[in-house]
Protein backbone atom coordinates (compact mmCIF):
# COMPACT_ATOMS: atom_id res chain seq x y z
CA MET A 1 114.04 57.00 196.24
CA ASP A 2 117.48 58.74 197.26
CA PHE A 3 119.56 56.11 196.12
CA LEU A 4 117.98 55.93 192.43
CA LYS A 5 117.99 59.89 192.55
CA ASN A 6 122.16 59.76 193.38
CA MET A 7 122.69 56.37 190.62
CA LEU A 8 120.94 59.12 188.37
CA PHE A 9 122.48 62.07 188.86
CA ASP A 10 125.87 60.22 188.77
CA GLN A 11 124.94 58.84 185.18
CA ALA A 12 124.25 62.02 183.57
CA THR A 13 126.92 63.93 184.98
CA SER A 14 129.89 60.90 185.11
CA SER A 15 130.05 60.31 181.62
CA PRO A 16 129.69 62.40 178.14
CA THR A 17 126.41 62.33 177.30
CA TRP A 18 124.71 61.77 173.82
CA ALA A 19 122.10 63.76 174.64
CA PHE A 20 123.97 66.54 175.67
CA TRP A 21 125.56 67.12 172.33
CA LEU A 22 122.39 66.37 170.13
CA LEU A 23 121.07 69.29 172.28
CA ALA A 24 123.90 71.61 171.63
CA ALA A 25 124.13 70.24 167.87
CA VAL A 26 120.13 70.96 167.35
CA GLY A 27 120.81 74.07 169.28
CA ALA A 28 123.39 75.33 167.29
CA ALA A 29 121.43 74.45 164.30
CA THR A 30 119.01 76.39 165.27
CA LEU A 31 121.20 80.08 166.02
CA ALA A 32 122.35 79.24 162.49
CA ARG A 33 119.19 78.86 160.85
CA MET A 34 117.83 82.28 162.72
CA ALA A 35 121.19 84.06 161.72
CA LEU A 36 120.47 82.90 158.66
CA CYS A 37 117.14 84.13 158.21
CA THR A 38 118.14 87.08 159.39
CA MET A 39 120.55 88.10 156.61
CA THR A 40 118.41 87.38 154.04
CA SER A 41 115.60 89.11 155.68
CA ALA A 42 118.28 92.29 155.94
CA LYS A 43 119.08 92.14 152.09
CA GLN A 44 115.79 91.70 151.01
CA MET A 45 114.96 95.31 152.96
CA PHE A 46 118.00 96.98 152.78
CA GLY A 47 119.83 95.61 149.53
CA PRO A 48 120.83 98.22 146.67
CA ALA A 49 117.38 99.01 144.10
CA ASN A 50 116.37 96.77 141.50
CA ASN A 51 116.95 98.02 138.18
CA ILE A 52 113.35 97.88 136.52
CA ARG A 53 115.32 99.00 133.32
CA ALA A 54 117.37 96.04 133.07
CA TYR A 55 114.40 93.83 132.00
CA GLY A 56 112.97 95.59 129.16
CA ASN A 57 111.28 98.76 127.63
CA TRP A 58 107.53 97.20 128.47
CA ALA A 59 105.37 96.28 131.47
CA LEU A 60 102.12 94.30 131.80
CA VAL A 61 100.31 95.25 134.17
CA THR A 62 96.28 93.26 135.48
CA GLY A 63 93.92 95.16 137.79
CA ALA A 64 95.28 98.69 137.21
CA THR A 65 92.50 101.22 136.96
CA ASP A 66 93.07 101.82 141.10
CA GLY A 67 95.00 100.83 143.97
CA ILE A 68 98.02 99.24 143.83
CA GLY A 69 98.48 98.43 140.22
CA LEU A 70 97.44 101.79 139.35
CA SER A 71 99.97 102.88 141.67
CA PHE A 72 102.76 99.95 139.91
CA ALA A 73 101.29 101.43 136.35
CA LYS A 74 102.34 105.43 137.52
CA ILE A 75 105.80 103.97 138.82
CA LEU A 76 106.91 101.65 136.11
CA ARG A 77 105.85 104.75 133.36
CA GLU A 78 108.15 107.25 135.84
CA LYS A 79 110.95 104.93 135.72
CA GLY A 80 110.75 105.07 132.02
CA LEU A 81 109.04 102.09 130.44
CA ASN A 82 105.73 101.80 128.44
CA VAL A 83 102.77 100.21 130.16
CA ILE A 84 99.83 97.86 129.01
CA ILE A 85 97.29 98.33 131.93
CA VAL A 86 94.30 95.60 132.07
CA GLY A 87 90.74 96.41 133.42
CA ARG A 88 87.22 95.27 133.01
CA SER A 89 85.59 98.93 132.85
CA PRO A 90 86.34 100.97 129.59
CA GLU A 91 85.35 104.23 132.18
CA LYS A 92 87.96 103.72 134.52
CA LEU A 93 90.73 102.39 132.37
CA ALA A 94 90.48 105.53 130.41
CA ALA A 95 90.07 107.27 134.07
CA ALA A 96 93.56 105.11 134.63
CA ARG A 97 95.32 106.18 131.24
CA GLU A 98 95.30 109.96 132.00
CA GLU A 99 96.82 109.79 135.09
CA ILE A 100 98.98 107.73 134.61
CA LEU A 101 99.89 110.01 131.37
CA ALA A 102 100.18 113.01 133.96
CA HIS A 103 102.20 111.25 136.32
CA LYS A 104 105.72 112.18 136.67
CA ALA A 105 108.09 110.41 133.59
CA LYS A 106 111.46 109.50 133.14
CA THR A 107 110.22 109.92 129.05
CA ALA A 108 107.65 111.86 127.98
CA SER A 109 107.74 109.86 125.02
CA THR A 110 106.26 106.20 126.28
CA GLU A 111 103.38 104.77 125.65
CA VAL A 112 100.52 103.69 127.78
CA ARG A 113 98.09 100.94 126.06
CA THR A 114 94.72 99.84 127.38
CA VAL A 115 93.44 96.47 127.60
CA LEU A 116 89.97 95.69 128.63
CA ALA A 117 89.11 92.44 129.74
CA ASP A 118 86.91 90.80 132.49
CA LEU A 119 89.28 88.55 134.45
CA SER A 120 86.36 86.16 135.71
CA ASN A 121 85.98 85.49 132.12
CA PRO A 122 88.15 82.95 130.46
CA GLU A 123 88.33 84.57 126.60
CA SER A 124 89.21 87.62 128.09
CA ILE A 125 92.93 86.24 127.74
CA LYS A 126 92.96 86.04 124.02
CA ASP A 127 92.55 90.04 124.34
CA ILE A 128 95.55 90.28 126.65
CA LYS A 129 97.71 87.23 124.28
CA THR A 130 96.86 90.14 121.08
CA ALA A 131 98.00 92.95 122.72
CA ILE A 132 101.79 91.89 123.87
CA SER A 133 102.05 89.97 120.14
CA GLU A 134 103.01 93.19 119.12
CA VAL A 135 105.80 94.11 122.10
CA GLU A 136 108.22 92.56 124.22
CA VAL A 137 107.20 92.57 127.59
CA GLY A 138 109.75 92.50 130.15
CA ILE A 139 107.94 93.19 133.46
CA LEU A 140 104.33 91.24 134.07
CA ILE A 141 102.72 92.27 137.16
CA ASN A 142 99.70 89.92 138.31
CA ASN A 143 97.77 92.33 140.86
CA ALA A 144 94.45 91.99 139.63
CA GLY A 145 92.28 89.87 142.66
CA LEU A 146 89.31 89.55 143.97
CA SER A 147 87.90 88.85 147.87
CA TYR A 148 85.08 89.02 149.68
CA ASN A 149 82.08 91.48 150.75
CA HIS A 150 82.83 90.79 153.99
CA ALA A 151 84.50 88.03 156.36
CA ASP A 152 81.81 85.22 156.34
CA TYR A 153 81.15 81.57 156.51
CA LEU A 154 81.66 79.81 153.13
CA HIS A 155 78.20 77.90 153.23
CA ASN A 156 77.28 81.89 153.01
CA ILE A 157 79.49 82.42 149.84
CA SER A 158 77.30 82.11 146.07
CA PRO A 159 79.05 79.42 143.70
CA THR A 160 79.49 82.80 141.41
CA LEU A 161 81.58 84.38 144.03
CA ILE A 162 83.43 81.11 144.39
CA ASN A 163 83.83 80.62 140.28
CA ASN A 164 84.88 84.36 140.01
CA LEU A 165 87.52 84.25 142.82
CA ILE A 166 89.37 80.70 141.23
CA ALA A 167 88.67 82.27 137.80
CA VAL A 168 90.50 85.88 138.68
CA ASN A 169 93.12 85.12 141.49
CA VAL A 170 94.22 81.79 140.04
CA SER A 171 93.37 80.56 136.55
CA SER A 172 93.91 84.29 134.40
CA LEU A 173 97.27 84.77 136.96
CA THR A 174 97.81 81.25 135.30
CA HIS A 175 97.30 82.14 132.11
CA ILE A 176 98.24 85.28 131.36
CA THR A 177 102.14 84.07 133.43
CA GLN A 178 102.14 81.21 130.84
CA ALA A 179 101.67 83.94 127.83
CA VAL A 180 104.12 86.65 128.90
CA LEU A 181 106.83 83.23 129.41
CA PRO A 182 107.74 82.66 125.20
CA GLY A 183 109.36 85.95 125.02
CA MET A 184 111.02 86.26 128.09
CA THR A 185 112.60 83.18 127.84
CA SER A 186 113.78 84.16 123.94
CA ARG A 187 115.99 87.35 125.91
CA ARG A 188 116.50 85.49 128.74
CA ARG A 189 115.35 87.96 131.16
CA GLY A 190 111.99 88.74 132.78
CA LEU A 191 110.61 90.07 136.23
CA ILE A 192 107.24 88.81 137.25
CA ILE A 193 105.58 89.73 140.07
CA ASN A 194 102.26 88.56 141.74
CA ILE A 195 100.42 89.96 144.19
CA GLY A 196 99.78 87.70 147.06
CA SER A 197 98.01 88.35 150.35
CA ALA A 198 98.74 87.63 154.03
CA ALA A 199 95.87 85.48 153.75
CA GLY A 200 98.08 83.10 151.74
CA LEU A 201 100.92 82.93 153.63
CA MET A 202 99.66 82.65 157.51
CA SER A 203 100.08 79.33 159.18
CA THR A 204 96.71 80.32 160.34
CA GLY A 205 94.97 80.41 156.80
CA ASP A 206 92.63 83.48 156.74
CA PRO A 207 88.90 81.93 158.72
CA LEU A 208 85.67 83.47 157.24
CA TYR A 209 87.60 84.11 153.78
CA SER A 210 88.45 80.67 153.36
CA VAL A 211 88.56 80.57 149.70
CA TYR A 212 90.20 83.85 148.90
CA SER A 213 93.25 82.45 151.43
CA GLY A 214 93.49 79.34 149.28
CA THR A 215 93.41 81.60 146.11
CA LYS A 216 96.85 83.40 147.33
CA ALA A 217 98.65 80.00 149.28
CA TYR A 218 97.93 79.18 145.31
CA VAL A 219 100.36 82.47 144.59
CA ASP A 220 102.37 81.65 146.56
CA LYS A 221 103.75 77.89 146.02
CA PHE A 222 102.86 78.45 142.11
CA SER A 223 105.40 81.55 142.75
CA ARG A 224 108.07 79.07 144.80
CA SER A 225 107.78 76.32 141.66
CA LEU A 226 108.11 78.94 138.84
CA ASN A 227 111.13 80.83 139.88
CA LEU A 228 113.03 77.68 140.32
CA GLU A 229 111.54 76.33 137.04
CA TYR A 230 113.11 79.75 135.32
CA LYS A 231 115.49 81.50 137.27
CA SER A 232 118.58 79.58 134.91
CA GLN A 233 117.15 81.22 131.84
CA GLY A 234 117.20 84.69 133.43
CA ILE A 235 113.30 85.00 135.06
CA HIS A 236 112.62 85.99 137.92
CA VAL A 237 109.54 84.84 139.69
CA GLU A 238 108.70 86.36 143.07
CA CYS A 239 104.96 86.61 145.38
CA CYS A 240 105.09 90.12 146.77
CA VAL A 241 102.92 89.70 149.95
CA PRO A 242 100.88 92.94 151.70
CA TYR A 243 99.45 93.19 155.27
CA PHE A 244 96.43 96.12 155.14
CA VAL A 245 97.35 98.76 152.33
CA VAL A 246 94.98 101.35 151.59
CA SER A 247 92.73 100.51 148.91
CA LYS A 248 89.33 99.79 148.03
CA MET A 249 89.25 95.87 148.73
CA SER A 250 90.92 96.26 152.44
CA LYS A 251 87.98 99.28 152.51
CA ILE A 252 90.64 101.23 154.34
CA ARG A 253 90.86 104.95 153.76
CA LYS A 254 93.49 106.57 155.64
CA PRO A 255 97.17 105.23 155.63
CA ASN A 256 99.19 104.93 159.14
CA PHE A 257 102.40 103.39 159.80
CA MET A 258 101.09 99.80 159.06
CA THR A 259 98.67 100.81 156.79
CA PRO A 260 101.17 102.30 153.75
CA THR A 261 99.40 103.93 150.65
CA ALA A 262 99.11 101.83 147.50
CA ASP A 263 101.76 104.23 145.88
CA ASN A 264 104.21 103.85 149.18
CA PHE A 265 103.66 99.75 148.49
CA ALA A 266 103.96 100.04 145.13
CA ARG A 267 107.26 101.91 145.45
CA TYR A 268 108.67 100.08 147.66
CA ALA A 269 107.89 96.72 145.95
CA LEU A 270 109.20 97.54 142.88
CA GLN A 271 112.81 98.40 144.22
CA ARG A 272 112.71 95.42 146.67
CA SER A 273 111.79 93.22 144.14
CA GLY A 274 114.08 90.51 142.65
CA ARG A 275 115.47 89.48 145.47
CA SER A 276 113.54 86.32 146.54
CA PHE A 277 110.58 84.37 145.55
CA LEU A 278 108.77 85.61 148.52
CA VAL A 279 108.76 89.66 149.30
CA LEU A 280 107.07 91.48 152.27
CA PRO A 281 108.54 94.90 150.91
CA TYR A 282 106.79 97.00 153.53
CA LEU A 283 109.11 97.03 156.89
CA PRO A 284 106.51 97.03 158.66
CA HIS A 285 104.35 94.28 157.21
CA ALA A 286 107.68 92.08 157.48
CA LEU A 287 107.96 92.47 161.56
CA GLN A 288 103.77 92.26 161.79
CA HIS A 289 103.96 89.11 160.01
CA PHE A 290 107.33 87.82 162.14
CA VAL A 291 105.15 88.91 165.51
CA LEU A 292 102.20 86.86 164.69
CA GLU A 293 104.32 83.78 163.45
CA SER A 294 106.27 83.91 166.28
CA LEU A 295 103.29 83.62 168.54
CA PRO A 296 102.13 79.88 169.20
CA LEU A 297 99.51 78.59 166.65
CA SER A 298 96.20 78.19 169.41
CA ILE A 299 97.22 82.13 169.80
CA SER A 300 97.47 83.41 167.20
CA SER A 301 94.42 81.15 165.36
CA LYS A 302 92.09 82.48 168.39
CA LEU A 303 93.22 86.28 167.40
CA VAL A 304 92.30 86.25 163.45
CA LEU A 305 89.29 84.28 164.17
CA ARG A 306 87.98 86.48 166.76
CA HIS A 307 89.00 89.74 164.09
CA HIS A 308 87.34 88.02 161.39
CA LEU A 309 84.08 87.16 163.56
CA ASP A 310 83.91 90.92 165.08
CA VAL A 311 84.40 91.82 161.02
CA ARG A 312 81.86 90.05 160.27
CA ARG A 313 79.19 91.13 162.72
CA ARG A 314 79.82 94.69 161.95
CA ALA A 315 79.16 94.07 158.29
CA LEU A 316 75.54 92.32 158.91
CA LYS A 317 74.87 95.55 161.47
CA ARG A 318 75.92 97.95 158.87
CA ALA A 319 73.82 95.88 155.86
CA GLU A 320 70.54 95.59 158.61
CA ARG A 321 70.80 99.28 159.01
CA LEU A 322 71.60 100.00 155.14
CA ALA A 323 67.92 97.71 154.39
CA ALA A 324 66.12 99.49 157.13
CA GLU A 325 67.10 102.54 155.62
CA ALA A 326 66.07 101.87 152.33
CA ALA A 327 62.98 100.61 153.43
CA LYS A 328 61.86 103.43 155.08
CA ALA A 329 62.70 105.73 151.82
CA GLN A 330 60.87 103.14 149.82
CA ALA A 331 57.54 103.45 152.02
CA THR A 332 57.49 107.41 152.69
CA THR A 333 58.05 107.29 149.11
CA ALA A 334 54.83 105.93 148.92
CA ASN A 335 53.25 107.99 150.96
């Protein structure tokens, strides 16, 4: 046995081995890739702010009656752009328009137009096309999105919700993007920001939000492909990815270091737009994503699944409590 060990050791140390050089090459390539990724990330986070006005005078924002979409619309008008906002509620559209007009603006002469459209209905795209035919849209913010009421297994999700998730998050986003591209290509400039989600980016996927996760993964790949497709024509397309943001969809009401307000997120997103096909504009979110993706997949998968199972448990418990309170109130009324 000692003779065999000595022979193998002598062979490994007496002559230059291809394995050593192969490992050295792999190590050097890995370090180079890490350095390149670090420099790219630093450029995205700390480069000069994008000149939003360079794309044109009009912006189209979907899902703009509250949350991130409303914040985008306010900041775009603040920077001197005219804005078209899209929403499905007449009351919310009117209120959003008033809030945008009341927000500080570079010039008071900027317009805010509204389009009433339910993006779960394919026919609504016609109304958007009519609205943008009258102006030159230089910026499109595809923010409209739909998610689950709470984490749940696929077999519990209604067919109607599944169809609406695909219609709003995939189909309408695609058709609205297609509608603005002819004008952008003729002017050879344009910015398209598609709001994605960590649910569509994480290696784990987003268990118990499977359909939502799949639709947001589409937004990521769609944006990457389209950016390459239209880059030579002066059009930049990107997938802008938030983790948790204070909004009705996230059901988070108070901001903290890891959860910015919609206004802060939108401001960072516009500042850091135009730099890559994929952007996590809020630094704590980028760090959170880096840490999560650095974990072994077996560990990160367990963490994400455990969190969503807990979300489901608490949601069902709350639904039970509300149902019991409603039944009690009905019984009291009957008596």
